[in-house]
């Protein structure tokens, strides 16, 4: 379940006064099996005060999983932390951020099992790709 989307403003002279800006997600749950290939889920659409940001964090409440073959519930550890990502938001411009999530099976390394991680991201400004990890 998605708890919040958080943005960290760029550090300035008063870094101690900077905090995370929390955005309320449009949805609270996403089934990642439904969004593969070029399909994506929109989890926030709205206005954000203009400014420069240095990080984004999709804060999760919990991650539930189901085994593909047995359909049994599985435990998935949340390894989605803040992502260092420099971008700007300005009036009259549309900023689109696409985060690519992946569930990894690392059960061959006990005591680990399944982990949710960020595989990469893309940032678009007015439809033009401005950043991509991993790069093309």
N, C-alpha and C. Protein backbone atom coordinates (compact mmCIF):
# COMPACT_ATOMS: atom_id res chain seq x y z
N UNK A 1 0.83 -1.18 0.00
CA UNK A 1 0.00 0.00 0.00
C UNK A 1 0.88 1.25 0.00
N UNK A 2 0.46 2.24 -0.76
CA UNK A 2 1.23 3.48 -0.88
C UNK A 2 0.79 4.44 0.21
N UNK A 3 1.73 4.87 1.02
CA UNK A 3 1.45 5.78 2.13
C UNK A 3 1.53 7.23 1.67
N UNK A 4 2.60 7.57 0.95
CA UNK A 4 2.79 8.95 0.50
C UNK A 4 3.85 9.00 -0.58
N UNK A 5 3.85 10.09 -1.29
CA UNK A 5 4.92 10.41 -2.24
C UNK A 5 5.60 11.62 -1.63
N UNK A 6 6.90 11.53 -1.45
CA UNK A 6 7.62 12.59 -0.77
C UNK A 6 8.68 13.18 -1.70
N UNK A 7 8.80 14.50 -1.67
CA UNK A 7 9.80 15.21 -2.46
C UNK A 7 10.72 15.97 -1.51
N UNK A 8 12.01 15.91 -1.77
CA UNK A 8 12.97 16.64 -0.95
C UNK A 8 13.46 17.85 -1.73
N UNK A 9 13.24 19.06 -1.19
CA UNK A 9 13.74 20.26 -1.88
C UNK A 9 15.25 20.25 -1.93
N UNK A 10 15.77 20.95 -2.94
CA UNK A 10 17.23 21.08 -3.06
C UNK A 10 17.77 21.79 -1.83
N UNK A 11 18.88 21.30 -1.34
CA UNK A 11 19.51 21.90 -0.17
C UNK A 11 20.01 23.29 -0.49
N UNK A 12 19.87 24.17 0.44
CA UNK A 12 20.36 25.53 0.28
C UNK A 12 21.13 25.94 1.51
N UNK A 13 21.20 27.21 1.75
CA UNK A 13 21.91 27.71 2.92
C UNK A 13 21.25 27.28 4.22
N UNK A 14 19.93 27.12 4.21
CA UNK A 14 19.21 26.75 5.42
C UNK A 14 18.75 25.30 5.32
N UNK A 15 19.70 24.40 5.11
CA UNK A 15 19.39 22.99 4.91
C UNK A 15 18.63 22.41 6.10
N UNK A 16 18.87 22.90 7.31
CA UNK A 16 18.20 22.39 8.50
C UNK A 16 16.71 22.71 8.50
N UNK A 17 16.28 23.68 7.68
CA UNK A 17 14.86 24.03 7.61
C UNK A 17 14.14 23.28 6.50
N UNK A 18 14.89 22.57 5.70
CA UNK A 18 14.29 21.83 4.60
C UNK A 18 13.72 20.52 5.12
N UNK A 19 12.56 20.19 4.65
CA UNK A 19 11.96 18.92 5.02
C UNK A 19 11.33 18.30 3.79
N UNK A 20 10.83 17.11 3.93
CA UNK A 20 10.16 16.44 2.83
C UNK A 20 8.79 17.05 2.62
N UNK A 21 8.43 17.27 1.35
CA UNK A 21 7.10 17.72 0.98
C UNK A 21 6.29 16.48 0.65
N UNK A 22 5.19 16.26 1.36
CA UNK A 22 4.39 15.06 1.15
C UNK A 22 3.23 15.34 0.21
N UNK A 23 3.07 14.45 -0.75
CA UNK A 23 1.97 14.51 -1.70
C UNK A 23 1.06 13.30 -1.43
N UNK A 24 -0.23 13.51 -1.54
CA UNK A 24 -1.19 12.43 -1.31
C UNK A 24 -1.38 11.66 -2.61
N UNK A 25 -1.11 10.35 -2.58
CA UNK A 25 -1.27 9.56 -3.81
C UNK A 25 -2.74 9.48 -4.22
N UNK A 26 -2.96 9.36 -5.53
CA UNK A 26 -4.31 9.22 -6.07
C UNK A 26 -4.86 7.83 -5.82
N UNK A 27 -3.99 6.86 -5.66
CA UNK A 27 -4.38 5.49 -5.35
C UNK A 27 -3.55 5.04 -4.16
N UNK A 28 -4.06 4.03 -3.44
CA UNK A 28 -3.26 3.55 -2.31
C UNK A 28 -2.72 2.14 -2.53
N UNK A 29 -3.09 1.52 -3.66
CA UNK A 29 -2.66 0.17 -3.92
C UNK A 29 -2.44 -0.02 -5.42
N UNK A 30 -1.35 -0.70 -5.78
CA UNK A 30 -1.04 -0.98 -7.19
C UNK A 30 -0.62 -2.44 -7.30
N UNK A 31 -1.23 -3.16 -8.22
CA UNK A 31 -0.84 -4.54 -8.51
C UNK A 31 0.21 -4.50 -9.61
N UNK A 32 1.47 -4.70 -9.23
CA UNK A 32 2.57 -4.57 -10.19
C UNK A 32 2.48 -5.57 -11.34
N UNK A 33 1.78 -6.68 -11.15
CA UNK A 33 1.66 -7.67 -12.23
C UNK A 33 0.82 -7.12 -13.38
N UNK A 34 0.04 -6.09 -13.12
CA UNK A 34 -0.80 -5.49 -14.16
C UNK A 34 -0.05 -4.44 -14.97
N UNK A 35 1.13 -4.06 -14.51
CA UNK A 35 1.86 -2.95 -15.14
C UNK A 35 3.26 -3.41 -15.54
N UNK A 36 3.32 -4.12 -16.65
CA UNK A 36 4.60 -4.61 -17.18
C UNK A 36 4.81 -4.01 -18.57
N UNK A 37 6.03 -4.09 -19.05
CA UNK A 37 6.31 -3.54 -20.38
C UNK A 37 6.13 -2.04 -20.39
N UNK A 38 5.29 -1.56 -21.28
CA UNK A 38 5.08 -0.11 -21.41
C UNK A 38 3.88 0.38 -20.60
N UNK A 39 3.18 -0.51 -19.93
CA UNK A 39 2.02 -0.10 -19.12
C UNK A 39 2.49 0.52 -17.81
N UNK A 40 1.80 1.55 -17.36
CA UNK A 40 2.17 2.20 -16.11
C UNK A 40 0.92 2.64 -15.36
N UNK A 41 1.07 2.83 -14.06
CA UNK A 41 -0.01 3.28 -13.20
C UNK A 41 0.30 4.69 -12.72
N UNK A 42 -0.69 5.57 -12.77
CA UNK A 42 -0.50 6.92 -12.27
C UNK A 42 -0.87 6.93 -10.79
N UNK A 43 0.10 7.31 -9.95
CA UNK A 43 -0.19 7.32 -8.53
C UNK A 43 -0.32 8.74 -7.96
N UNK A 44 0.02 9.75 -8.76
CA UNK A 44 -0.21 11.14 -8.36
C UNK A 44 -0.36 12.01 -9.59
N UNK A 45 -1.35 12.87 -9.56
CA UNK A 45 -1.52 13.89 -10.59
C UNK A 45 -2.05 15.12 -9.87
N UNK A 46 -1.32 16.20 -9.98
CA UNK A 46 -1.75 17.40 -9.29
C UNK A 46 -0.72 18.49 -9.43
N UNK A 47 -1.00 19.59 -8.78
CA UNK A 47 -0.09 20.71 -8.83
C UNK A 47 0.88 20.65 -7.65
N UNK A 48 2.11 21.03 -7.93
CA UNK A 48 3.16 21.10 -6.93
C UNK A 48 3.76 22.49 -7.04
N UNK A 49 3.99 23.13 -5.90
CA UNK A 49 4.62 24.46 -5.94
C UNK A 49 5.94 24.38 -6.68
N UNK A 50 6.22 25.43 -7.48
CA UNK A 50 7.45 25.40 -8.27
C UNK A 50 8.68 25.39 -7.36
N UNK A 51 9.73 24.79 -7.90
CA UNK A 51 10.97 24.69 -7.15
C UNK A 51 11.84 23.58 -7.71
N UNK A 52 12.99 23.42 -7.09
CA UNK A 52 13.92 22.36 -7.48
C UNK A 52 13.95 21.32 -6.37
N UNK A 53 14.05 20.07 -6.80
CA UNK A 53 14.03 18.96 -5.85
C UNK A 53 15.24 18.08 -6.11
N UNK A 54 15.65 17.34 -5.05
CA UNK A 54 16.83 16.50 -5.18
C UNK A 54 16.53 15.02 -4.95
N UNK A 55 15.36 14.71 -4.41
CA UNK A 55 15.02 13.31 -4.14
C UNK A 55 13.52 13.10 -4.21
N UNK A 56 13.15 11.86 -4.50
CA UNK A 56 11.75 11.45 -4.46
C UNK A 56 11.70 10.12 -3.70
N UNK A 57 10.61 9.94 -2.96
CA UNK A 57 10.45 8.71 -2.17
C UNK A 57 8.99 8.29 -2.23
N UNK A 58 8.76 7.10 -2.73
CA UNK A 58 7.41 6.53 -2.67
C UNK A 58 7.39 5.72 -1.38
N UNK A 59 6.77 6.29 -0.37
CA UNK A 59 6.74 5.67 0.96
C UNK A 59 5.61 4.64 0.99
N UNK A 60 5.97 3.41 1.32
CA UNK A 60 5.01 2.32 1.31
C UNK A 60 4.64 1.91 2.74
N UNK A 61 3.38 1.52 2.92
CA UNK A 61 2.95 1.00 4.23
C UNK A 61 3.35 -0.46 4.35
N UNK A 62 3.06 -1.24 3.33
CA UNK A 62 3.42 -2.64 3.31
C UNK A 62 3.43 -3.12 1.86
N UNK A 63 4.09 -4.25 1.65
CA UNK A 63 4.16 -4.85 0.32
C UNK A 63 3.66 -6.28 0.45
N UNK A 64 2.62 -6.60 -0.27
CA UNK A 64 2.07 -7.96 -0.26
C UNK A 64 2.41 -8.64 -1.56
N UNK A 65 2.67 -9.94 -1.48
CA UNK A 65 2.99 -10.70 -2.67
C UNK A 65 2.25 -12.02 -2.70
N UNK A 66 2.15 -12.58 -3.91
CA UNK A 66 1.54 -13.88 -4.13
C UNK A 66 2.46 -14.67 -5.06
N UNK A 67 2.78 -15.90 -4.65
CA UNK A 67 3.65 -16.74 -5.48
C UNK A 67 2.96 -17.06 -6.79
N UNK A 68 3.71 -16.97 -7.87
CA UNK A 68 3.16 -17.17 -9.21
C UNK A 68 2.60 -18.59 -9.41
N UNK A 69 3.37 -19.59 -9.00
CA UNK A 69 2.95 -20.98 -9.23
C UNK A 69 1.92 -21.48 -8.22
N UNK A 70 2.16 -21.24 -6.94
CA UNK A 70 1.30 -21.80 -5.90
C UNK A 70 0.16 -20.87 -5.48
N UNK A 71 0.25 -19.60 -5.84
CA UNK A 71 -0.73 -18.57 -5.45
C UNK A 71 -0.76 -18.35 -3.93
N UNK A 72 0.25 -18.82 -3.23
CA UNK A 72 0.35 -18.64 -1.79
C UNK A 72 0.91 -17.26 -1.47
N UNK A 73 0.47 -16.66 -0.37
CA UNK A 73 1.01 -15.35 0.02
C UNK A 73 2.50 -15.47 0.32
N UNK A 74 3.27 -14.46 -0.07
CA UNK A 74 4.70 -14.42 0.21
C UNK A 74 5.05 -13.08 0.84
N UNK A 75 6.12 -13.09 1.59
CA UNK A 75 6.61 -11.88 2.23
C UNK A 75 7.56 -11.17 1.25
N UNK A 76 7.33 -9.88 1.05
CA UNK A 76 8.19 -9.08 0.18
C UNK A 76 8.73 -7.92 1.01
N UNK A 77 10.07 -7.84 1.11
CA UNK A 77 10.69 -6.75 1.87
C UNK A 77 10.72 -5.49 1.02
N UNK A 78 10.44 -4.37 1.66
CA UNK A 78 10.44 -3.07 1.00
C UNK A 78 11.85 -2.48 1.02
N UNK A 79 12.48 -2.45 -0.16
CA UNK A 79 13.79 -1.83 -0.31
C UNK A 79 13.69 -0.54 -1.14
N UNK A 80 12.49 0.04 -1.17
CA UNK A 80 12.27 1.27 -1.92
C UNK A 80 12.48 2.44 -0.96
N UNK A 81 13.65 3.00 -1.00
CA UNK A 81 13.95 4.15 -0.16
C UNK A 81 13.97 5.40 -1.02
N UNK A 82 14.38 6.50 -0.44
CA UNK A 82 14.49 7.74 -1.22
C UNK A 82 15.45 7.56 -2.40
N UNK A 83 15.09 8.13 -3.53
CA UNK A 83 15.89 8.05 -4.75
C UNK A 83 16.47 9.43 -5.03
N UNK A 84 17.79 9.49 -5.17
CA UNK A 84 18.41 10.77 -5.52
C UNK A 84 18.05 11.06 -6.97
N UNK A 85 17.31 12.13 -7.15
CA UNK A 85 16.78 12.47 -8.47
C UNK A 85 16.58 13.98 -8.53
N UNK A 86 17.43 14.66 -9.27
CA UNK A 86 17.34 16.12 -9.39
C UNK A 86 16.35 16.48 -10.50
N UNK A 87 15.34 17.30 -10.16
CA UNK A 87 14.39 17.77 -11.15
C UNK A 87 13.78 19.07 -10.66
N UNK A 88 13.18 19.80 -11.59
CA UNK A 88 12.54 21.07 -11.26
C UNK A 88 11.09 21.05 -11.68
N UNK A 89 10.29 21.80 -10.96
CA UNK A 89 8.89 21.99 -11.29
C UNK A 89 8.70 23.49 -11.47
N UNK A 90 8.10 23.87 -12.58
CA UNK A 90 7.88 25.30 -12.81
C UNK A 90 6.49 25.51 -13.39
N UNK A 91 5.95 26.72 -13.22
CA UNK A 91 4.61 27.01 -13.72
C UNK A 91 4.51 26.80 -15.23
N UNK A 92 3.35 26.35 -15.64
CA UNK A 92 3.03 26.15 -17.06
C UNK A 92 3.84 25.04 -17.72
N UNK A 93 4.51 24.20 -16.92
CA UNK A 93 5.25 23.06 -17.46
C UNK A 93 4.76 21.79 -16.76
N UNK A 94 4.74 20.71 -17.51
CA UNK A 94 4.32 19.43 -16.96
C UNK A 94 5.56 18.57 -16.72
N UNK A 95 5.70 18.09 -15.49
CA UNK A 95 6.80 17.20 -15.14
C UNK A 95 6.21 15.81 -14.90
N UNK A 96 6.76 14.82 -15.58
CA UNK A 96 6.31 13.44 -15.45
C UNK A 96 7.49 12.60 -14.98
N UNK A 97 7.28 11.86 -13.90
CA UNK A 97 8.33 10.97 -13.37
C UNK A 97 7.78 9.56 -13.40
N UNK A 98 8.52 8.67 -14.05
CA UNK A 98 8.14 7.26 -14.14
C UNK A 98 9.17 6.46 -13.35
N UNK A 99 8.69 5.72 -12.35
CA UNK A 99 9.56 4.85 -11.56
C UNK A 99 9.28 3.41 -11.97
N UNK A 100 10.34 2.66 -12.20
CA UNK A 100 10.23 1.27 -12.62
C UNK A 100 10.56 0.38 -11.43
N UNK A 101 9.55 -0.32 -10.91
CA UNK A 101 9.73 -1.20 -9.76
C UNK A 101 9.93 -2.64 -10.21
N UNK A 102 10.65 -3.42 -9.41
CA UNK A 102 10.88 -4.83 -9.71
C UNK A 102 10.88 -5.60 -8.39
N UNK A 103 10.30 -6.81 -8.44
CA UNK A 103 10.38 -7.72 -7.31
C UNK A 103 11.44 -8.75 -7.65
N UNK A 104 12.46 -8.83 -6.80
CA UNK A 104 13.56 -9.76 -7.02
C UNK A 104 13.44 -10.97 -6.11
N UNK A 105 13.69 -12.15 -6.67
CA UNK A 105 13.73 -13.38 -5.88
C UNK A 105 15.18 -13.61 -5.49
N UNK A 106 15.48 -13.35 -4.23
CA UNK A 106 16.84 -13.57 -3.73
C UNK A 106 16.83 -14.67 -2.67
N UNK A 107 15.89 -15.59 -2.81
CA UNK A 107 15.74 -16.67 -1.82
C UNK A 107 16.91 -17.63 -1.83
N UNK A 108 17.73 -17.58 -2.87
CA UNK A 108 18.92 -18.44 -2.90
C UNK A 108 20.03 -17.90 -2.00
N UNK A 109 19.76 -16.78 -1.32
CA UNK A 109 20.71 -16.18 -0.36
C UNK A 109 20.02 -16.07 1.00
N UNK A 110 19.80 -17.22 1.68
CA UNK A 110 19.09 -17.19 2.98
C UNK A 110 19.74 -16.20 3.92
N UNK A 111 19.01 -15.53 4.78
CA UNK A 111 17.59 -15.69 5.07
C UNK A 111 16.69 -14.78 4.22
N UNK A 112 17.19 -14.25 3.15
CA UNK A 112 16.39 -13.36 2.31
C UNK A 112 15.37 -14.15 1.50
N UNK A 113 14.42 -13.43 0.91
CA UNK A 113 13.37 -14.06 0.10
C UNK A 113 13.09 -13.22 -1.12
N UNK A 114 12.10 -12.33 -1.02
CA UNK A 114 11.71 -11.46 -2.13
C UNK A 114 11.89 -10.01 -1.69
N UNK A 115 12.35 -9.18 -2.64
CA UNK A 115 12.60 -7.77 -2.35
C UNK A 115 11.99 -6.88 -3.42
N UNK A 116 11.35 -5.80 -3.00
CA UNK A 116 10.85 -4.78 -3.93
C UNK A 116 11.90 -3.69 -4.01
N UNK A 117 12.33 -3.39 -5.24
CA UNK A 117 13.36 -2.38 -5.47
C UNK A 117 12.96 -1.49 -6.65
N UNK A 118 13.66 -0.37 -6.78
CA UNK A 118 13.49 0.50 -7.94
C UNK A 118 14.53 0.08 -8.96
N UNK A 119 14.06 -0.27 -10.15
CA UNK A 119 14.94 -0.73 -11.23
C UNK A 119 15.52 0.45 -12.01
N UNK A 120 14.75 1.54 -12.09
CA UNK A 120 15.19 2.72 -12.83
C UNK A 120 14.10 3.78 -12.81
N UNK A 121 14.36 4.88 -13.52
CA UNK A 121 13.36 5.95 -13.62
C UNK A 121 13.57 6.75 -14.89
N UNK A 122 12.53 7.50 -15.25
CA UNK A 122 12.59 8.45 -16.36
C UNK A 122 11.92 9.74 -15.89
N UNK A 123 12.46 10.87 -16.32
CA UNK A 123 11.87 12.18 -16.02
C UNK A 123 11.61 12.88 -17.35
N UNK A 124 10.39 13.38 -17.51
CA UNK A 124 10.00 14.12 -18.71
C UNK A 124 9.54 15.51 -18.31
N UNK A 125 9.93 16.51 -19.09
CA UNK A 125 9.45 17.88 -18.92
C UNK A 125 8.78 18.28 -20.23
N UNK A 126 7.50 18.56 -20.15
CA UNK A 126 6.69 18.89 -21.32
C UNK A 126 6.87 17.85 -22.44
N UNK A 127 6.89 16.57 -22.05
CA UNK A 127 6.98 15.49 -23.02
C UNK A 127 8.38 15.14 -23.49
N UNK A 128 9.38 15.92 -23.08
CA UNK A 128 10.77 15.67 -23.51
C UNK A 128 11.52 14.95 -22.39
N UNK A 129 12.16 13.81 -22.75
CA UNK A 129 12.94 13.04 -21.78
C UNK A 129 14.14 13.87 -21.32
N UNK A 130 14.24 14.10 -20.01
CA UNK A 130 15.35 14.91 -19.47
C UNK A 130 16.31 14.10 -18.62
N UNK A 131 15.88 12.93 -18.12
CA UNK A 131 16.78 12.07 -17.33
C UNK A 131 16.27 10.64 -17.42
N UNK A 132 17.21 9.71 -17.40
CA UNK A 132 16.85 8.29 -17.46
C UNK A 132 17.93 7.48 -16.78
N UNK A 133 17.52 6.59 -15.88
CA UNK A 133 18.42 5.65 -15.23
C UNK A 133 17.73 4.29 -15.28
N UNK A 134 18.33 3.24 -15.78
CA UNK A 134 19.63 3.27 -16.43
C UNK A 134 19.54 4.02 -17.77
N UNK A 135 20.67 4.62 -18.18
CA UNK A 135 20.65 5.37 -19.45
C UNK A 135 20.43 4.43 -20.64
N UNK A 136 20.00 5.02 -21.74
CA UNK A 136 19.72 4.23 -22.95
C UNK A 136 20.92 3.46 -23.40
